[in-house]
Amino acid sequence: MIVAVSEGRTIYSNIRKSVHFLAATNLSEIAVMLSSITVGMGQPLNPMQLLWINLLTDIFPALALSLEPPEPDVLRRPPRDPHEPIIKKSDVKRYTLESLSITAATMAGYAYGVSRYGIGPRSSTIAFMTLTSGQLLHALSCRSEARSVFSKEQLQPNRYLQMALGGSAALQMLTVMVPGLRSLLGTTLIGPMDALVIAAGAGLPLVFNELTKEDRSQLARSDAHSKQPAPVSD
């Protein structure tokens, strides 16, 4: 019975993790395109780049998240309401905040490219690499709703996610290294400064989202502690 409860909770949690990743990353793609067109900066991503993101760098991490091992506190959690939707109102708010952080970083990278190279393939490549790298790192954040990747108590390793992220990152690097892929996707070679901007744009959303996760965890623990009954004195 204990094993069945653990497996059932883990399966449900892993479905939420995959939905979490896909919702936040796809919202960021939509927001990047809309915000760029709205402010008159052209289209940072072409159709082939969007197709590449959705077919190669979105699917594999989402599938790997569905195979996450049980979290340490899976049996200590209270039973969930059977009528509770798989995406709650609080989830929508969190997904939106996370997608906006990825969008802001991508747009900052694109703005850097436009200011230095003008609107064109070089700027588009910086936006493409920043967005994709930020989304891949976001998969690490989706492994737990409360436990930060910077926490001392680490989650069990997920070799499927490691392979998915490693393979997707390698494929992403090939898009600027292989001439055939550069021609297909409309990308160009990048310089050292461009690489630093891309790395910063990919890493900062992860740090921001994990810090907000820590804040939510502390508030939840405080609420739980305040709701505990006071000890009865003699």
Foldseek 3Di string as FASTA:
>chain_A
DLVVQQVVLLLLLLLLLLVLLLLLLVVLQVCLQVVCVVVPQPGLFDPVLVVCCVPALNPQLSVLSSVFDGWPCSVVDDDDDPPDDSQDPVSVVLSPVLSVLLNVLLVVLLVVCCVVPNPAQASSQLSSLLSSLLSLLVSQVSSDQQDFCPDPDHGDDRVSSVCSSVVSVVVSVCCAVPPVNCVVGVHYHDDPVSVVSSVCSNPPSSVVSRVVSNVVNVVVVVVVVVPDDDDDDD
